[in-house]
Amino acid sequence: MDTPKLPETDDQWRAHLAARDAEPLAFEVTRRAATERPFTGRYENFWVDGRYHCICCGQHLFDADTKFDAGCGWPSFYHARPGAITERIDRSHGMVRAEMVCSRCGAHLGHVFNDGPEPSGLRYCMNSAALQHTKA
């Protein structure tokens, strides 16, 4: 199956995200690695069964049954879909963190930390603006 061509310019990305009903911060978060303020994203306190996809390209990233309340202010998951996310080193803000990006389109999603629940022990701390939920 062919993957649809993704936007290339900033203006194309903005139009593409608007057509996908993305949050206003989606462009800055996904294409510029910004972070939404804690406790403000649409999926932070959202508990509906289904799947979470990349807002930019639609790739399936997480299942709702792996979401948990980490109390950190961002949607958190303990398991990502195999191959859906790529890890990069993020040295911004005087820290070294593991940045998570969509493996298909390179969208910044958030970061992963080693303080999550079993079975993985991971906390994928994601920006709501980078996600799109679909019901099961």
N, C-alpha and C. Protein backbone atom coordinates (compact mmCIF):
# COMPACT_ATOMS: atom_id res chain seq x y z
N MET A 1 0.84 -1.19 0.00
CA MET A 1 0.00 0.00 0.00
C MET A 1 0.88 1.24 0.00
N ASP A 2 0.58 2.18 -0.85
CA ASP A 2 1.36 3.41 -0.94
C ASP A 2 0.99 4.36 0.20
N THR A 3 2.01 5.01 0.75
CA THR A 3 1.79 6.02 1.76
C THR A 3 1.56 7.34 1.05
N PRO A 4 0.49 8.07 1.42
CA PRO A 4 0.23 9.36 0.76
C PRO A 4 1.40 10.32 0.95
N LYS A 5 1.60 11.17 -0.04
CA LYS A 5 2.67 12.16 0.03
C LYS A 5 2.34 13.16 1.13
N LEU A 6 3.33 13.44 1.95
CA LEU A 6 3.15 14.38 3.04
C LEU A 6 3.56 15.78 2.62
N PRO A 7 3.03 16.78 3.31
CA PRO A 7 3.41 18.17 3.02
C PRO A 7 4.92 18.37 3.16
N GLU A 8 5.42 19.40 2.48
CA GLU A 8 6.85 19.71 2.56
C GLU A 8 7.13 21.08 3.15
N THR A 9 6.32 22.06 2.83
CA THR A 9 6.57 23.42 3.32
C THR A 9 5.76 23.67 4.61
N ASP A 10 6.16 24.69 5.34
CA ASP A 10 5.43 25.06 6.55
C ASP A 10 3.97 25.39 6.24
N ASP A 11 3.72 26.14 5.18
CA ASP A 11 2.35 26.49 4.82
C ASP A 11 1.53 25.25 4.48
N GLN A 12 2.13 24.30 3.78
CA GLN A 12 1.44 23.05 3.46
C GLN A 12 1.11 22.27 4.73
N TRP A 13 2.07 22.22 5.67
CA TRP A 13 1.82 21.53 6.94
C TRP A 13 0.68 22.20 7.70
N ARG A 14 0.68 23.53 7.76
CA ARG A 14 -0.38 24.23 8.48
C ARG A 14 -1.75 23.91 7.88
N ALA A 15 -1.85 23.93 6.56
CA ALA A 15 -3.12 23.62 5.89
C ALA A 15 -3.52 22.17 6.12
N HIS A 16 -2.54 21.27 6.06
CA HIS A 16 -2.79 19.84 6.27
C HIS A 16 -3.32 19.59 7.69
N LEU A 17 -2.70 20.20 8.68
CA LEU A 17 -3.13 20.02 10.07
C LEU A 17 -4.51 20.64 10.31
N ALA A 18 -4.77 21.78 9.72
CA ALA A 18 -6.09 22.40 9.85
C ALA A 18 -7.17 21.48 9.28
N ALA A 19 -6.89 20.84 8.16
CA ALA A 19 -7.84 19.93 7.53
C ALA A 19 -8.07 18.68 8.39
N ARG A 20 -7.14 18.35 9.27
CA ARG A 20 -7.26 17.18 10.15
C ARG A 20 -7.86 17.56 11.51
N ASP A 21 -8.38 18.78 11.65
CA ASP A 21 -8.99 19.25 12.90
C ASP A 21 -7.99 19.22 14.06
N ALA A 22 -6.75 19.58 13.76
CA ALA A 22 -5.70 19.59 14.77
C ALA A 22 -5.89 20.77 15.73
N GLU A 23 -5.38 20.59 16.94
CA GLU A 23 -5.38 21.68 17.91
C GLU A 23 -4.53 22.84 17.37
N PRO A 24 -4.78 24.06 17.83
CA PRO A 24 -4.01 25.22 17.34
C PRO A 24 -2.49 25.08 17.48
N LEU A 25 -2.02 24.38 18.51
CA LEU A 25 -0.58 24.23 18.73
C LEU A 25 0.06 23.11 17.91
N ALA A 26 -0.72 22.37 17.15
CA ALA A 26 -0.20 21.17 16.48
C ALA A 26 1.01 21.45 15.60
N PHE A 27 1.00 22.52 14.84
CA PHE A 27 2.14 22.81 13.98
C PHE A 27 3.40 23.04 14.80
N GLU A 28 3.31 23.90 15.81
CA GLU A 28 4.49 24.21 16.63
C GLU A 28 4.99 22.98 17.38
N VAL A 29 4.08 22.15 17.87
CA VAL A 29 4.47 20.94 18.59
C VAL A 29 5.11 19.93 17.65
N THR A 30 4.43 19.60 16.57
CA THR A 30 4.89 18.50 15.72
C THR A 30 6.04 18.86 14.80
N ARG A 31 6.08 20.08 14.32
CA ARG A 31 7.10 20.45 13.34
C ARG A 31 8.24 21.26 13.95
N ARG A 32 8.02 21.86 15.17
CA ARG A 32 9.03 22.70 15.81
C ARG A 32 9.43 22.20 17.20
N ALA A 33 8.90 21.05 17.61
CA ALA A 33 9.22 20.42 18.90
C ALA A 33 8.84 21.28 20.11
N ALA A 34 7.78 22.06 19.98
CA ALA A 34 7.26 22.81 21.12
C ALA A 34 6.54 21.83 22.06
N THR A 35 6.17 22.31 23.23
CA THR A 35 5.44 21.50 24.19
C THR A 35 4.24 22.28 24.68
N GLU A 36 3.08 21.62 24.69
CA GLU A 36 1.90 22.28 25.24
C GLU A 36 2.02 22.38 26.75
N ARG A 37 1.35 23.34 27.34
CA ARG A 37 1.37 23.48 28.79
C ARG A 37 0.70 22.28 29.43
N PRO A 38 1.18 21.86 30.61
CA PRO A 38 0.57 20.70 31.27
C PRO A 38 -0.90 20.96 31.61
N PHE A 39 -1.68 19.89 31.59
CA PHE A 39 -3.09 19.89 31.94
C PHE A 39 -3.96 20.73 31.01
N THR A 40 -3.48 20.98 29.77
CA THR A 40 -4.27 21.79 28.83
C THR A 40 -4.68 21.02 27.58
N GLY A 41 -4.07 19.89 27.28
CA GLY A 41 -4.35 19.16 26.05
C GLY A 41 -5.65 18.38 26.09
N ARG A 42 -6.24 18.19 24.93
CA ARG A 42 -7.55 17.52 24.83
C ARG A 42 -7.54 16.07 25.30
N TYR A 43 -6.39 15.41 25.28
CA TYR A 43 -6.34 14.00 25.65
C TYR A 43 -5.73 13.73 27.03
N GLU A 44 -5.39 14.78 27.76
CA GLU A 44 -4.77 14.59 29.08
C GLU A 44 -5.71 13.86 30.03
N ASN A 45 -6.95 14.26 30.08
CA ASN A 45 -7.93 13.63 30.97
C ASN A 45 -9.06 13.03 30.12
N PHE A 46 -8.68 12.19 29.18
CA PHE A 46 -9.59 11.60 28.19
C PHE A 46 -9.44 10.09 28.28
N TRP A 47 -10.55 9.39 28.53
CA TRP A 47 -10.48 7.95 28.78
C TRP A 47 -11.50 7.19 27.94
N VAL A 48 -11.36 7.26 26.64
CA VAL A 48 -12.25 6.56 25.72
C VAL A 48 -11.46 5.47 25.01
N ASP A 49 -12.06 4.28 24.91
CA ASP A 49 -11.39 3.16 24.24
C ASP A 49 -11.11 3.54 22.78
N GLY A 50 -10.03 3.01 22.26
CA GLY A 50 -9.70 3.26 20.87
C GLY A 50 -8.21 3.29 20.62
N ARG A 51 -7.83 4.09 19.63
CA ARG A 51 -6.44 4.18 19.20
C ARG A 51 -6.02 5.64 19.11
N TYR A 52 -4.73 5.85 19.32
CA TYR A 52 -4.14 7.19 19.16
C TYR A 52 -3.22 7.14 17.96
N HIS A 53 -3.40 8.12 17.08
CA HIS A 53 -2.64 8.21 15.83
C HIS A 53 -1.86 9.51 15.78
N CYS A 54 -0.84 9.54 14.96
CA CYS A 54 -0.10 10.77 14.69
C CYS A 54 -1.03 11.74 13.98
N ILE A 55 -1.15 12.97 14.48
CA ILE A 55 -2.01 13.96 13.86
C ILE A 55 -1.52 14.35 12.47
N CYS A 56 -0.23 14.20 12.22
CA CYS A 56 0.33 14.60 10.94
C CYS A 56 0.11 13.59 9.82
N CYS A 57 0.32 12.31 10.11
CA CYS A 57 0.27 11.31 9.04
C CYS A 57 -0.72 10.18 9.28
N GLY A 58 -1.31 10.11 10.47
CA GLY A 58 -2.30 9.09 10.75
C GLY A 58 -1.76 7.75 11.22
N GLN A 59 -0.45 7.64 11.38
CA GLN A 59 0.11 6.36 11.83
C GLN A 59 -0.39 6.01 13.23
N HIS A 60 -0.76 4.75 13.42
CA HIS A 60 -1.23 4.24 14.70
C HIS A 60 -0.04 4.17 15.66
N LEU A 61 -0.11 4.91 16.76
CA LEU A 61 1.00 5.02 17.72
C LEU A 61 0.76 4.25 19.01
N PHE A 62 -0.43 4.40 19.59
CA PHE A 62 -0.75 3.83 20.90
C PHE A 62 -2.17 3.28 20.90
N ASP A 63 -2.40 2.31 21.76
CA ASP A 63 -3.76 1.83 22.03
C ASP A 63 -4.22 2.43 23.35
N ALA A 64 -5.51 2.73 23.45
CA ALA A 64 -6.04 3.38 24.65
C ALA A 64 -5.84 2.54 25.91
N ASP A 65 -5.78 1.23 25.78
CA ASP A 65 -5.62 0.41 26.98
C ASP A 65 -4.20 0.47 27.56
N THR A 66 -3.29 1.19 26.91
CA THR A 66 -1.94 1.39 27.46
C THR A 66 -1.78 2.79 28.07
N LYS A 67 -2.86 3.58 28.05
CA LYS A 67 -2.83 4.93 28.62
C LYS A 67 -3.05 4.85 30.12
N PHE A 68 -2.35 5.69 30.87
CA PHE A 68 -2.52 5.71 32.32
C PHE A 68 -2.38 7.14 32.83
N ASP A 69 -2.88 7.38 34.03
CA ASP A 69 -2.80 8.71 34.64
C ASP A 69 -1.49 8.83 35.39
N ALA A 70 -0.54 9.51 34.78
CA ALA A 70 0.77 9.70 35.40
C ALA A 70 0.79 10.92 36.31
N GLY A 71 -0.26 11.75 36.24
CA GLY A 71 -0.31 12.94 37.07
C GLY A 71 0.63 14.05 36.62
N CYS A 72 1.19 13.90 35.42
CA CYS A 72 2.19 14.86 34.93
C CYS A 72 1.59 15.98 34.08
N GLY A 73 0.32 15.82 33.65
CA GLY A 73 -0.33 16.86 32.86
C GLY A 73 -0.35 16.60 31.37
N TRP A 74 0.19 15.49 30.93
CA TRP A 74 0.19 15.12 29.52
C TRP A 74 -0.32 13.69 29.39
N PRO A 75 -0.92 13.33 28.26
CA PRO A 75 -1.32 11.93 28.07
C PRO A 75 -0.09 11.04 28.16
N SER A 76 -0.22 9.96 28.93
CA SER A 76 0.92 9.07 29.16
C SER A 76 0.52 7.63 28.84
N PHE A 77 1.45 6.91 28.23
CA PHE A 77 1.24 5.53 27.81
C PHE A 77 2.43 4.70 28.27
N TYR A 78 2.21 3.43 28.54
CA TYR A 78 3.34 2.57 28.93
C TYR A 78 3.84 1.69 27.80
N HIS A 79 3.18 1.75 26.63
CA HIS A 79 3.61 0.92 25.50
C HIS A 79 3.24 1.61 24.19
N ALA A 80 4.18 1.68 23.27
CA ALA A 80 3.92 2.20 21.93
C ALA A 80 3.79 1.04 20.96
N ARG A 81 3.10 1.26 19.86
CA ARG A 81 2.99 0.24 18.82
C ARG A 81 4.38 -0.03 18.25
N PRO A 82 4.75 -1.28 18.08
CA PRO A 82 6.08 -1.61 17.56
C PRO A 82 6.36 -0.92 16.22
N GLY A 83 7.51 -0.24 16.15
CA GLY A 83 7.94 0.42 14.94
C GLY A 83 7.31 1.77 14.65
N ALA A 84 6.37 2.20 15.48
CA ALA A 84 5.64 3.44 15.20
C ALA A 84 6.39 4.69 15.64
N ILE A 85 7.31 4.54 16.58
CA ILE A 85 8.00 5.69 17.14
C ILE A 85 9.51 5.49 17.07
N THR A 86 10.19 6.58 16.76
CA THR A 86 11.65 6.59 16.72
C THR A 86 12.16 7.47 17.85
N GLU A 87 13.23 7.04 18.48
CA GLU A 87 13.82 7.80 19.59
C GLU A 87 15.00 8.62 19.09
N ARG A 88 15.05 9.87 19.54
CA ARG A 88 16.17 10.77 19.26
C ARG A 88 16.66 11.34 20.59
N ILE A 89 17.91 11.72 20.63
CA ILE A 89 18.45 12.40 21.82
C ILE A 89 18.08 13.87 21.74
N ASP A 90 17.51 14.40 22.80
CA ASP A 90 17.11 15.80 22.91
C ASP A 90 17.97 16.45 23.98
N ARG A 91 18.81 17.39 23.58
CA ARG A 91 19.70 18.09 24.51
C ARG A 91 19.22 19.52 24.79
N SER A 92 17.97 19.81 24.52
CA SER A 92 17.45 21.16 24.73
C SER A 92 17.18 21.42 26.21
N HIS A 93 17.08 22.68 26.55
CA HIS A 93 16.73 23.14 27.90
C HIS A 93 17.68 22.64 28.98
N GLY A 94 18.94 22.41 28.63
CA GLY A 94 19.95 22.01 29.60
C GLY A 94 19.78 20.58 30.13
N MET A 95 19.03 19.76 29.41
CA MET A 95 18.78 18.38 29.83
C MET A 95 19.14 17.43 28.69
N VAL A 96 19.26 16.16 29.02
CA VAL A 96 19.38 15.12 28.01
C VAL A 96 18.19 14.20 28.20
N ARG A 97 17.32 14.16 27.18
CA ARG A 97 16.10 13.36 27.26
C ARG A 97 15.95 12.54 25.99
N ALA A 98 15.06 11.57 26.04
CA ALA A 98 14.74 10.75 24.87
C ALA A 98 13.49 11.32 24.22
N GLU A 99 13.68 11.99 23.08
CA GLU A 99 12.56 12.55 22.33
C GLU A 99 11.93 11.44 21.48
N MET A 100 10.61 11.45 21.40
CA MET A 100 9.88 10.49 20.59
C MET A 100 9.31 11.21 19.37
N VAL A 101 9.59 10.65 18.19
CA VAL A 101 9.05 11.19 16.95
C VAL A 101 8.35 10.08 16.18
N CYS A 102 7.39 10.44 15.37
CA CYS A 102 6.69 9.48 14.53
C CYS A 102 7.68 8.90 13.53
N SER A 103 7.72 7.58 13.41
CA SER A 103 8.68 6.95 12.50
C SER A 103 8.32 7.16 11.04
N ARG A 104 7.09 7.53 10.74
CA ARG A 104 6.68 7.74 9.36
C ARG A 104 6.95 9.17 8.88
N CYS A 105 6.59 10.18 9.70
CA CYS A 105 6.68 11.57 9.22
C CYS A 105 7.63 12.45 10.02
N GLY A 106 8.20 11.92 11.11
CA GLY A 106 9.15 12.69 11.90
C GLY A 106 8.52 13.70 12.83
N ALA A 107 7.20 13.65 13.02
CA ALA A 107 6.54 14.60 13.92
C ALA A 107 7.02 14.42 15.35
N HIS A 108 7.33 15.53 16.02
CA HIS A 108 7.65 15.49 17.45
C HIS A 108 6.38 15.12 18.19
N LEU A 109 6.49 14.12 19.08
CA LEU A 109 5.35 13.66 19.85
C LEU A 109 5.48 14.00 21.32
N GLY A 110 6.67 13.86 21.86
CA GLY A 110 6.92 14.08 23.28
C GLY A 110 8.21 13.41 23.68
N HIS A 111 8.26 12.89 24.91
CA HIS A 111 9.47 12.25 25.44
C HIS A 111 9.09 10.96 26.16
N VAL A 112 10.07 10.11 26.38
CA VAL A 112 9.85 8.89 27.14
C VAL A 112 10.76 8.89 28.36
N PHE A 113 10.22 8.40 29.47
CA PHE A 113 10.94 8.37 30.74
C PHE A 113 10.85 6.97 31.33
N ASN A 114 11.79 6.64 32.19
CA ASN A 114 11.87 5.31 32.80
C ASN A 114 11.16 5.25 34.15
N ASP A 115 10.03 5.93 34.29
CA ASP A 115 9.31 5.92 35.56
C ASP A 115 7.85 5.52 35.40
N GLY A 116 7.58 4.70 34.40
CA GLY A 116 6.22 4.26 34.14
C GLY A 116 5.89 2.96 34.84
N PRO A 117 4.65 2.51 34.70
CA PRO A 117 4.20 1.28 35.34
C PRO A 117 4.66 0.03 34.59
N GLU A 118 4.54 -1.08 35.24
CA GLU A 118 4.78 -2.37 34.58
C GLU A 118 3.65 -2.59 33.57
N PRO A 119 3.84 -3.29 32.50
CA PRO A 119 4.96 -4.20 32.30
C PRO A 119 6.21 -3.57 31.69
N SER A 120 6.13 -2.36 31.16
CA SER A 120 7.29 -1.80 30.46
C SER A 120 8.20 -0.96 31.36
N GLY A 121 7.63 -0.32 32.38
CA GLY A 121 8.39 0.60 33.21
C GLY A 121 8.63 1.94 32.52
N LEU A 122 7.98 2.15 31.36
CA LEU A 122 8.17 3.38 30.58
C LEU A 122 6.95 4.29 30.71
N ARG A 123 7.21 5.59 30.56
CA ARG A 123 6.15 6.59 30.50
C ARG A 123 6.36 7.40 29.24
N TYR A 124 5.57 7.09 28.22
CA TYR A 124 5.59 7.88 27.00
C TYR A 124 4.72 9.09 27.27
N CYS A 125 5.35 10.22 27.49
CA CYS A 125 4.69 11.47 27.85
C CYS A 125 4.49 12.27 26.56
N MET A 126 3.26 12.28 26.05
CA MET A 126 2.98 12.81 24.72
C MET A 126 2.20 14.13 24.78
N ASN A 127 2.35 14.92 23.76
CA ASN A 127 1.56 16.13 23.61
C ASN A 127 0.23 15.77 22.95
N SER A 128 -0.89 16.20 23.55
CA SER A 128 -2.19 15.97 22.92
C SER A 128 -2.23 16.52 21.51
N ALA A 129 -1.60 17.67 21.30
CA ALA A 129 -1.63 18.32 19.99
C ALA A 129 -0.98 17.49 18.89
N ALA A 130 -0.21 16.48 19.27
CA ALA A 130 0.45 15.61 18.29
C ALA A 130 -0.37 14.36 18.00
N LEU A 131 -1.50 14.19 18.70
CA LEU A 131 -2.27 12.96 18.62
C LEU A 131 -3.67 13.20 18.05
N GLN A 132 -4.22 12.11 17.52
CA GLN A 132 -5.62 12.09 17.09
C GLN A 132 -6.20 10.75 17.54
N HIS A 133 -7.32 10.79 18.25
CA HIS A 133 -7.95 9.59 18.77
C HIS A 133 -9.04 9.10 17.82
N THR A 134 -9.12 7.79 17.66
CA THR A 134 -10.24 7.18 16.95
C THR A 134 -10.84 6.13 17.87
N LYS A 135 -12.17 6.03 17.88
CA LYS A 135 -12.84 5.04 18.72
C LYS A 135 -12.63 3.65 18.17
N ALA A 136 -12.66 2.68 19.07
CA ALA A 136 -12.45 1.27 18.70
C ALA A 136 -13.61 0.77 17.88
